[in-house]
């Protein structure tokens, strides 16, 4: 079966997305996705992408209509438009989202490609009455196509969970080695930059005076005192000015990422 050429094209839109975790893990960049989509459009249609819609640092598990870039895309598309993503998981990592989105695009007369994953075979295509012989990747009226799409989406969801777990493990590993994993320095520590290989890393170094305060806080907590009582005694003993809310925050520190005391 051959792919029937699209007789009428209005706008060609590209959609690109990356989450911070994915960018750190694999270096997948928005620019790289845009370049690949632009090359696909140039080779297939000999024209430029009319507009890119971008979600930067947004998880693919967030519903399509709750992301700024993809929501703007759904508002912009019209009949005879073409939407191109590099891969299925760029558009969404959830099966329900895709199962709802693809039939809606097809009904609206929009063609959808995942150019890196399925090449120039469209995922959905505005089917005319004489669509016999037209080849698309998924037919949403066919149960086998729905199952295949659900499997691909499930794989994307599993990959997302794996990325999340590995990223968290990496953060815990660096934290366990004394490195700072983000945000301002917690009470009792200062941030010091150092070279680790060819990369700059931030580590937490203890501040001696504040470390003594921390030890007193945990000692008083061990005697059963609450945050307000601890703050009162600490401020008197160490001549500092800690609020009870600050003391409570210190007591709630987790071992992962922020040491209690040096």
C-alpha atoms as a PDB file:
ATOM      1  CA  UNK A   1       0.000   0.000   0.000  1.00  0.00           C
ATOM      2  CA  UNK A   2       1.267   3.464  -0.806  1.00  0.00           C
ATOM      3  CA  UNK A   3       0.925   6.641   1.198  1.00  0.00           C
ATOM      4  CA  UNK A   4      -1.463   8.981  -0.549  1.00  0.00           C
ATOM      5  CA  UNK A   5      -0.050  12.519  -0.849  1.00  0.00           C
ATOM      6  CA  UNK A   6      -1.841  15.256   1.031  1.00  0.00           C
ATOM      7  CA  UNK A   7      -3.580  17.404  -1.563  1.00  0.00           C
ATOM      8  CA  UNK A   8      -4.134  20.472   0.604  1.00  0.00           C
ATOM      9  CA  UNK A   9      -1.907  21.814   3.372  1.00  0.00           C
ATOM     10  CA  UNK A  10      -2.536  24.923   5.403  1.00  0.00           C
ATOM     11  CA  UNK A  11      -0.106  25.204   8.307  1.00  0.00           C
ATOM     12  CA  UNK A  12       2.673  22.890   9.416  1.00  0.00           C
ATOM     13  CA  UNK A  13       3.227  22.979  13.153  1.00  0.00           C
ATOM     14  CA  UNK A  14       5.989  21.419  15.205  1.00  0.00           C
ATOM     15  CA  UNK A  15       5.604  20.467  18.855  1.00  0.00           C
ATOM     16  CA  UNK A  16       8.654  19.947  21.060  1.00  0.00           C
ATOM     17  CA  UNK A  17       8.903  19.148  24.736  1.00  0.00           C
ATOM     18  CA  UNK A  18      11.567  18.262  27.230  1.00  0.00           C
ATOM     19  CA  UNK A  19      11.555  17.824  30.975  1.00  0.00           C
ATOM     20  CA  UNK A  20      14.520  18.845  33.102  1.00  0.00           C
ATOM     21  CA  UNK A  21      15.171  15.244  34.158  1.00  0.00           C
ATOM     22  CA  UNK A  22      15.248  13.988  30.569  1.00  0.00           C
ATOM     23  CA  UNK A  23      17.563  16.796  29.495  1.00  0.00           C
ATOM     24  CA  UNK A  24      19.994  15.993  32.313  1.00  0.00           C
ATOM     25  CA  UNK A  25      19.831  12.252  31.612  1.00  0.00           C
ATOM     26  CA  UNK A  26      20.143  12.118  27.843  1.00  0.00           C
ATOM     27  CA  UNK A  27      20.920  15.619  26.608  1.00  0.00           C
ATOM     28  CA  UNK A  28      17.760  15.707  24.470  1.00  0.00           C
ATOM     29  CA  UNK A  29      17.315  19.377  23.698  1.00  0.00           C
ATOM     30  CA  UNK A  30      14.494  21.452  22.315  1.00  0.00           C
ATOM     31  CA  UNK A  31      16.801  22.720  19.579  1.00  0.00           C
ATOM     32  CA  UNK A  32      17.661  19.185  18.497  1.00  0.00           C
ATOM     33  CA  UNK A  33      13.978  18.276  18.235  1.00  0.00           C
ATOM     34  CA  UNK A  34      13.250  21.456  16.267  1.00  0.00           C
ATOM     35  CA  UNK A  35      16.115  20.769  13.862  1.00  0.00           C
ATOM     36  CA  UNK A  36      14.933  17.193  13.234  1.00  0.00           C
ATOM     37  CA  UNK A  37      11.363  18.315  12.582  1.00  0.00           C
ATOM     38  CA  UNK A  38      12.539  21.129  10.282  1.00  0.00           C
ATOM     39  CA  UNK A  39      14.666  18.679   8.289  1.00  0.00           C
ATOM     40  CA  UNK A  40      11.729  16.262   7.966  1.00  0.00           C
ATOM     41  CA  UNK A  41       9.435  19.041   6.688  1.00  0.00           C
ATOM     42  CA  UNK A  42      12.061  20.316   4.258  1.00  0.00           C
ATOM     43  CA  UNK A  43      12.656  16.878   2.775  1.00  0.00           C
ATOM     44  CA  UNK A  44       8.999  15.827   2.605  1.00  0.00           C
ATOM     45  CA  UNK A  45       7.227  19.086   1.742  1.00  0.00           C
ATOM     46  CA  UNK A  46      10.050  21.410   0.630  1.00  0.00           C
ATOM     47  CA  UNK A  47       8.902  24.174   2.946  1.00  0.00           C
ATOM     48  CA  UNK A  48       9.523  25.530   6.433  1.00  0.00           C
ATOM     49  CA  UNK A  49       7.693  24.827   9.667  1.00  0.00           C
ATOM     50  CA  UNK A  50       5.170  27.627  10.159  1.00  0.00           C
ATOM     51  CA  UNK A  51       5.341  27.619  13.957  1.00  0.00           C
ATOM     52  CA  UNK A  52       6.790  25.634  16.811  1.00  0.00           C
ATOM     53  CA  UNK A  53       4.898  25.100  20.049  1.00  0.00           C
ATOM     54  CA  UNK A  54       7.207  24.478  22.986  1.00  0.00           C
ATOM     55  CA  UNK A  55       6.929  23.045  26.488  1.00  0.00           C
ATOM     56  CA  UNK A  56      10.236  23.495  28.277  1.00  0.00           C
ATOM     57  CA  UNK A  57      10.761  21.601  31.518  1.00  0.00           C
ATOM     58  CA  UNK A  58       7.276  20.065  31.492  1.00  0.00           C
ATOM     59  CA  UNK A  59       6.570  16.401  32.193  1.00  0.00           C
ATOM     60  CA  UNK A  60       4.885  14.345  29.497  1.00  0.00           C
ATOM     61  CA  UNK A  61       2.628  12.823  32.138  1.00  0.00           C
ATOM     62  CA  UNK A  62       0.880  16.167  32.553  1.00  0.00           C
ATOM     63  CA  UNK A  63      -2.314  16.211  30.438  1.00  0.00           C
ATOM     64  CA  UNK A  64      -1.948  17.818  27.004  1.00  0.00           C
ATOM     65  CA  UNK A  65      -4.558  20.470  27.727  1.00  0.00           C
ATOM     66  CA  UNK A  66      -2.807  21.471  30.975  1.00  0.00           C
ATOM     67  CA  UNK A  67       0.521  22.359  29.315  1.00  0.00           C
ATOM     68  CA  UNK A  68       0.981  25.841  27.927  1.00  0.00           C
ATOM     69  CA  UNK A  69       2.618  24.797  24.660  1.00  0.00           C
ATOM     70  CA  UNK A  70       0.435  21.817  23.754  1.00  0.00           C
ATOM     71  CA  UNK A  71      -2.730  23.688  24.808  1.00  0.00           C
ATOM     72  CA  UNK A  72      -1.774  26.542  22.462  1.00  0.00           C
ATOM     73  CA  UNK A  73      -1.219  23.972  19.706  1.00  0.00           C
ATOM     74  CA  UNK A  74      -4.676  22.433  20.136  1.00  0.00           C
ATOM     75  CA  UNK A  75      -6.193  25.922  20.040  1.00  0.00           C
ATOM     76  CA  UNK A  76      -4.317  26.808  16.828  1.00  0.00           C
ATOM     77  CA  UNK A  77      -4.819  23.719  14.661  1.00  0.00           C
ATOM     78  CA  UNK A  78      -7.471  23.631  11.974  1.00  0.00           C
ATOM     79  CA  UNK A  79      -8.506  21.490   9.035  1.00  0.00           C
ATOM     80  CA  UNK A  80      -5.704  20.598   6.595  1.00  0.00           C
ATOM     81  CA  UNK A  81      -3.002  21.418   9.158  1.00  0.00           C
ATOM     82  CA  UNK A  82      -0.078  19.109   9.870  1.00  0.00           C
ATOM     83  CA  UNK A  83       1.397  18.495  13.339  1.00  0.00           C
ATOM     84  CA  UNK A  84       4.829  16.932  13.713  1.00  0.00           C
ATOM     85  CA  UNK A  85       6.583  15.644  16.839  1.00  0.00           C
ATOM     86  CA  UNK A  86       9.817  13.694  16.925  1.00  0.00           C
ATOM     87  CA  UNK A  87       8.428  10.839  19.012  1.00  0.00           C
ATOM     88  CA  UNK A  88       5.177   9.723  20.587  1.00  0.00           C
ATOM     89  CA  UNK A  89       6.406  10.404  24.128  1.00  0.00           C
ATOM     90  CA  UNK A  90       7.118  14.046  23.239  1.00  0.00           C
ATOM     91  CA  UNK A  91       3.382  14.596  22.824  1.00  0.00           C
ATOM     92  CA  UNK A  92       2.335  12.528  25.831  1.00  0.00           C
ATOM     93  CA  UNK A  93       3.450   9.675  28.065  1.00  0.00           C
ATOM     94  CA  UNK A  94      -0.061   8.567  29.006  1.00  0.00           C
ATOM     95  CA  UNK A  95      -2.278   6.228  26.994  1.00  0.00           C
ATOM     96  CA  UNK A  96      -5.550   7.994  27.844  1.00  0.00           C
ATOM     97  CA  UNK A  97      -4.239  11.318  26.576  1.00  0.00           C
ATOM     98  CA  UNK A  98      -3.135   9.828  23.269  1.00  0.00           C
ATOM     99  CA  UNK A  99      -6.282   7.748  22.799  1.00  0.00           C
ATOM    100  CA  UNK A 100      -8.316  10.937  23.186  1.00  0.00           C
ATOM    101  CA  UNK A 101      -6.021  13.229  21.196  1.00  0.00           C
ATOM    102  CA  UNK A 102      -5.451  11.181  18.036  1.00  0.00           C
ATOM    103  CA  UNK A 103      -9.137  10.602  17.093  1.00  0.00           C
ATOM    104  CA  UNK A 104      -9.853  14.287  17.786  1.00  0.00           C
ATOM    105  CA  UNK A 105      -7.058  15.349  15.423  1.00  0.00           C
ATOM    106  CA  UNK A 106      -8.251  12.969  12.742  1.00  0.00           C
ATOM    107  CA  UNK A 107     -11.836  14.188  13.068  1.00  0.00           C
ATOM    108  CA  UNK A 108     -10.626  17.787  12.811  1.00  0.00           C
ATOM    109  CA  UNK A 109      -8.880  16.991   9.527  1.00  0.00           C
ATOM    110  CA  UNK A 110      -5.342  17.196  10.939  1.00  0.00           C
ATOM    111  CA  UNK A 111      -2.406  14.972   9.955  1.00  0.00           C
ATOM    112  CA  UNK A 112      -0.008  13.864  12.707  1.00  0.00           C
ATOM    113  CA  UNK A 113       3.552  12.551  12.316  1.00  0.00           C
ATOM    114  CA  UNK A 114       6.132  11.245  14.776  1.00  0.00           C
ATOM    115  CA  UNK A 115       9.008  11.711  12.380  1.00  0.00           C
ATOM    116  CA  UNK A 116      11.828   9.958  14.271  1.00  0.00           C
ATOM    117  CA  UNK A 117       9.714   7.030  15.401  1.00  0.00           C
ATOM    118  CA  UNK A 118       7.524   6.257  12.373  1.00  0.00           C
ATOM    119  CA  UNK A 119       9.111   8.262   9.552  1.00  0.00           C
ATOM    120  CA  UNK A 120       6.750   9.579   6.892  1.00  0.00           C
ATOM    121  CA  UNK A 121       3.874   7.243   7.819  1.00  0.00           C
ATOM    122  CA  UNK A 122       1.217   9.432   9.456  1.00  0.00           C
ATOM    123  CA  UNK A 123      -0.253   8.452  12.794  1.00  0.00           C
ATOM    124  CA  UNK A 124      -3.566   9.954  11.829  1.00  0.00           C
ATOM    125  CA  UNK A 125      -4.809  11.384   8.560  1.00  0.00           C
ATOM    126  CA  UNK A 126      -8.029  13.127   7.472  1.00  0.00           C
ATOM    127  CA  UNK A 127      -9.562  10.190   5.581  1.00  0.00           C
ATOM    128  CA  UNK A 128     -11.668  11.057   2.536  1.00  0.00           C
ATOM    129  CA  UNK A 129     -14.582   8.889   1.489  1.00  0.00           C
ATOM    130  CA  UNK A 130     -12.370   7.034  -1.000  1.00  0.00           C
ATOM    131  CA  UNK A 131      -9.621   6.285   1.535  1.00  0.00           C
ATOM    132  CA  UNK A 132      -9.169   2.672   0.407  1.00  0.00           C
ATOM    133  CA  UNK A 133      -5.490   1.828   0.261  1.00  0.00           C
ATOM    134  CA  UNK A 134      -4.401   4.717   2.466  1.00  0.00           C
ATOM    135  CA  UNK A 135      -1.743   3.624   4.943  1.00  0.00           C
ATOM    136  CA  UNK A 136      -1.624   5.098   8.436  1.00  0.00           C
ATOM    137  CA  UNK A 137       0.168   3.847  11.519  1.00  0.00           C
ATOM    138  CA  UNK A 138      -2.955   3.614  13.697  1.00  0.00           C
ATOM    139  CA  UNK A 139      -6.630   3.218  12.886  1.00  0.00           C
ATOM    140  CA  UNK A 140      -8.585   4.254  15.954  1.00  0.00           C
ATOM    141  CA  UNK A 141     -11.546   2.156  14.767  1.00  0.00           C
ATOM    142  CA  UNK A 142      -9.355  -0.925  14.907  1.00  0.00           C
ATOM    143  CA  UNK A 143      -8.879  -2.643  18.280  1.00  0.00           C
ATOM    144  CA  UNK A 144      -5.390  -3.890  17.357  1.00  0.00           C
ATOM    145  CA  UNK A 145      -4.264  -0.316  16.675  1.00  0.00           C
ATOM    146  CA  UNK A 146      -5.650   0.849  20.002  1.00  0.00           C
ATOM    147  CA  UNK A 147      -3.851  -1.960  21.814  1.00  0.00           C
ATOM    148  CA  UNK A 148      -0.568  -1.122  20.050  1.00  0.00           C
ATOM    149  CA  UNK A 149      -0.921   2.535  20.995  1.00  0.00           C
ATOM    150  CA  UNK A 150      -1.661   1.600  24.604  1.00  0.00           C
ATOM    151  CA  UNK A 151       1.429  -0.630  24.702  1.00  0.00           C
ATOM    152  CA  UNK A 152       3.652   2.137  23.319  1.00  0.00           C
ATOM    153  CA  UNK A 153       2.177   4.592  25.819  1.00  0.00           C
ATOM    154  CA  UNK A 154       2.708   2.121  28.667  1.00  0.00           C
ATOM    155  CA  UNK A 155       6.356   1.767  27.646  1.00  0.00           C
ATOM    156  CA  UNK A 156       6.671   5.570  27.695  1.00  0.00           C
ATOM    157  CA  UNK A 157       5.117   5.698  31.176  1.00  0.00           C
ATOM    158  CA  UNK A 158       7.472   2.995  32.461  1.00  0.00           C
ATOM    159  CA  UNK A 159      10.438   4.842  30.970  1.00  0.00           C
ATOM    160  CA  UNK A 160       9.291   8.041  32.696  1.00  0.00           C
ATOM    161  CA  UNK A 161       9.089   6.244  36.055  1.00  0.00           C
ATOM    162  CA  UNK A 162      12.539   4.735  35.489  1.00  0.00           C
ATOM    163  CA  UNK A 163      14.031   8.134  34.622  1.00  0.00           C
ATOM    164  CA  UNK A 164      12.451   9.631  37.730  1.00  0.00           C
ATOM    165  CA  UNK A 165      13.810   6.876  39.972  1.00  0.00           C
ATOM    166  CA  UNK A 166      17.305   7.053  38.501  1.00  0.00           C
ATOM    167  CA  UNK A 167      17.358  10.831  38.783  1.00  0.00           C
ATOM    168  CA  UNK A 168      16.332  10.604  42.446  1.00  0.00           C
ATOM    169  CA  UNK A 169      18.965   7.931  43.061  1.00  0.00           C
ATOM    170  CA  UNK A 170      21.588  10.148  41.461  1.00  0.00           C
ATOM    171  CA  UNK A 171      20.597  13.080  43.652  1.00  0.00           C
ATOM    172  CA  UNK A 172      20.773  10.924  46.767  1.00  0.00           C
ATOM    173  CA  UNK A 173      24.178   9.608  45.713  1.00  0.00           C
ATOM    174  CA  UNK A 174      25.604  13.106  45.266  1.00  0.00           C
ATOM    175  CA  UNK A 175      23.978  14.268  48.507  1.00  0.00           C
ATOM    176  CA  UNK A 176      25.457  11.311  50.355  1.00  0.00           C
ATOM    177  CA  UNK A 177      28.890  12.375  49.141  1.00  0.00           C
ATOM    178  CA  UNK A 178      28.364  15.857  50.554  1.00  0.00           C
ATOM    179  CA  UNK A 179      27.327  17.647  47.356  1.00  0.00           C
ATOM    180  CA  UNK A 180      24.501  20.152  47.181  1.00  0.00           C
ATOM    181  CA  UNK A 181      21.609  19.187  44.885  1.00  0.00           C
ATOM    182  CA  UNK A 182      19.811  22.522  44.573  1.00  0.00           C
ATOM    183  CA  UNK A 183      18.306  25.487  46.368  1.00  0.00           C
ATOM    184  CA  UNK A 184      19.817  27.716  48.997  1.00  0.00           C
ATOM    185  CA  UNK A 185      22.157  26.389  51.674  1.00  0.00           C
ATOM    186  CA  UNK A 186      20.350  24.966  54.711  1.00  0.00           C
ATOM    187  CA  UNK A 187      21.007  26.422  58.149  1.00  0.00           C
ATOM    188  CA  UNK A 188      24.371  25.271  59.451  1.00  0.00           C
ATOM    189  CA  UNK A 189      26.030  24.999  56.037  1.00  0.00           C
ATOM    190  CA  UNK A 190      27.484  27.116  53.249  1.00  0.00           C
ATOM    191  CA  UNK A 191      27.751  26.300  49.547  1.00  0.00           C
ATOM    192  CA  UNK A 192      31.252  25.876  48.146  1.00  0.00           C
ATOM    193  CA  UNK A 193      31.923  25.261  44.447  1.00  0.00           C
ATOM    194  CA  UNK A 194      34.601  22.828  43.340  1.00  0.00           C
ATOM    195  CA  UNK A 195      35.667  21.070  40.159  1.00  0.00           C
ATOM    196  CA  UNK A 196      34.643  17.433  39.797  1.00  0.00           C
ATOM    197  CA  UNK A 197      36.275  16.182  36.618  1.00  0.00           C
ATOM    198  CA  UNK A 198      35.353  18.796  34.027  1.00  0.00           C
ATOM    199  CA  UNK A 199      32.178  19.869  35.812  1.00  0.00           C
ATOM    200  CA  UNK A 200      31.560  22.311  38.625  1.00  0.00           C
ATOM    201  CA  UNK A 201      29.802  20.822  41.629  1.00  0.00           C
ATOM    202  CA  UNK A 202      28.455  22.492  44.729  1.00  0.00           C
ATOM    203  CA  UNK A 203      29.041  20.957  48.115  1.00  0.00           C
ATOM    204  CA  UNK A 204      27.857  21.819  51.600  1.00  0.00           C
ATOM    205  CA  UNK A 205      30.505  22.803  54.095  1.00  0.00           C
ATOM    206  CA  UNK A 206      29.564  23.165  57.776  1.00  0.00           C
ATOM    207  CA  UNK A 207      29.587  26.552  59.512  1.00  0.00           C
ATOM    208  CA  UNK A 208      31.056  25.834  62.996  1.00  0.00           C
ATOM    209  CA  UNK A 209      28.968  28.362  64.942  1.00  0.00           C
ATOM    210  CA  UNK A 210      25.696  27.252  63.355  1.00  0.00           C
ATOM    211  CA  UNK A 211      26.649  23.601  63.797  1.00  0.00           C
ATOM    212  CA  UNK A 212      26.737  24.175  67.553  1.00  0.00           C
ATOM    213  CA  UNK A 213      23.232  25.630  67.326  1.00  0.00           C
ATOM    214  CA  UNK A 214      22.053  22.579  65.396  1.00  0.00           C
ATOM    215  CA  UNK A 215      23.467  20.208  67.990  1.00  0.00           C
ATOM    216  CA  UNK A 216      21.643  22.087  70.721  1.00  0.00           C
ATOM    217  CA  UNK A 217      18.386  21.983  68.748  1.00  0.00           C
ATOM    218  CA  UNK A 218      18.542  18.205  68.309  1.00  0.00           C
ATOM    219  CA  UNK A 219      19.581  17.711  71.940  1.00  0.00           C
ATOM    220  CA  UNK A 220      16.587  19.698  73.184  1.00  0.00           C
ATOM    221  CA  UNK A 221      14.323  17.833  70.798  1.00  0.00           C
ATOM    222  CA  UNK A 222      15.645  14.599  72.278  1.00  0.00           C
ATOM    223  CA  UNK A 223      14.450  15.815  75.672  1.00  0.00           C
ATOM    224  CA  UNK A 224      10.919  16.158  74.298  1.00  0.00           C
ATOM    225  CA  UNK A 225      10.742  19.938  73.807  1.00  0.00           C
ATOM    226  CA  UNK A 226       8.606  21.434  71.037  1.00  0.00           C
ATOM    227  CA  UNK A 227       9.754  23.929  68.399  1.00  0.00           C
ATOM    228  CA  UNK A 228       8.616  27.025  70.327  1.00  0.00           C
ATOM    229  CA  UNK A 229      10.329  25.966  73.541  1.00  0.00           C
ATOM    230  CA  UNK A 230      13.490  25.021  71.644  1.00  0.00           C
ATOM    231  CA  UNK A 231      13.609  28.381  69.836  1.00  0.00           C
ATOM    232  CA  UNK A 232      13.301  30.246  73.137  1.00  0.00           C
ATOM    233  CA  UNK A 233      16.153  28.335  74.784  1.00  0.00           C
ATOM    234  CA  UNK A 234      18.376  28.377  71.688  1.00  0.00           C
ATOM    235  CA  UNK A 235      18.071  32.132  71.254  1.00  0.00           C
ATOM    236  CA  UNK A 236      18.984  32.650  74.903  1.00  0.00           C
ATOM    237  CA  UNK A 237      21.850  30.146  74.932  1.00  0.00           C
ATOM    238  CA  UNK A 238      23.495  31.020  71.608  1.00  0.00           C
ATOM    239  CA  UNK A 239      22.504  34.691  71.359  1.00  0.00           C
ATOM    240  CA  UNK A 240      20.831  34.124  67.977  1.00  0.00           C
ATOM    241  CA  UNK A 241      17.414  34.968  66.590  1.00  0.00           C
ATOM    242  CA  UNK A 242      15.796  31.803  65.239  1.00  0.00           C
ATOM    243  CA  UNK A 243      12.022  31.733  64.869  1.00  0.00           C
ATOM    244  CA  UNK A 244      10.152  28.629  66.018  1.00  0.00           C
ATOM    245  CA  UNK A 245       9.117  28.104  62.373  1.00  0.00           C
ATOM    246  CA  UNK A 246      12.796  27.952  61.404  1.00  0.00           C
ATOM    247  CA  UNK A 247      13.462  25.477  64.194  1.00  0.00           C
ATOM    248  CA  UNK A 248      10.551  23.337  63.014  1.00  0.00           C
ATOM    249  CA  UNK A 249      11.937  23.365  59.465  1.00  0.00           C
ATOM    250  CA  UNK A 250      15.335  22.242  60.757  1.00  0.00           C
ATOM    251  CA  UNK A 251      13.732  19.407  62.718  1.00  0.00           C
ATOM    252  CA  UNK A 252      11.905  18.218  59.594  1.00  0.00           C
ATOM    253  CA  UNK A 253      15.056  17.905  57.536  1.00  0.00           C
ATOM    254  CA  UNK A 254      15.443  14.603  55.735  1.00  0.00           C
ATOM    255  CA  UNK A 255      18.715  12.791  55.595  1.00  0.00           C
ATOM    256  CA  UNK A 256      18.474  12.739  51.795  1.00  0.00           C
ATOM    257  CA  UNK A 257      19.980  15.953  50.493  1.00  0.00           C
ATOM    258  CA  UNK A 258      20.379  17.920  53.726  1.00  0.00           C
ATOM    259  CA  UNK A 259      22.517  16.612  56.572  1.00  0.00           C
ATOM    260  CA  UNK A 260      21.194  17.270  60.064  1.00  0.00           C
ATOM    261  CA  UNK A 261      24.555  18.288  61.392  1.00  0.00           C
ATOM    262  CA  UNK A 262      28.181  17.722  60.532  1.00  0.00           C
END
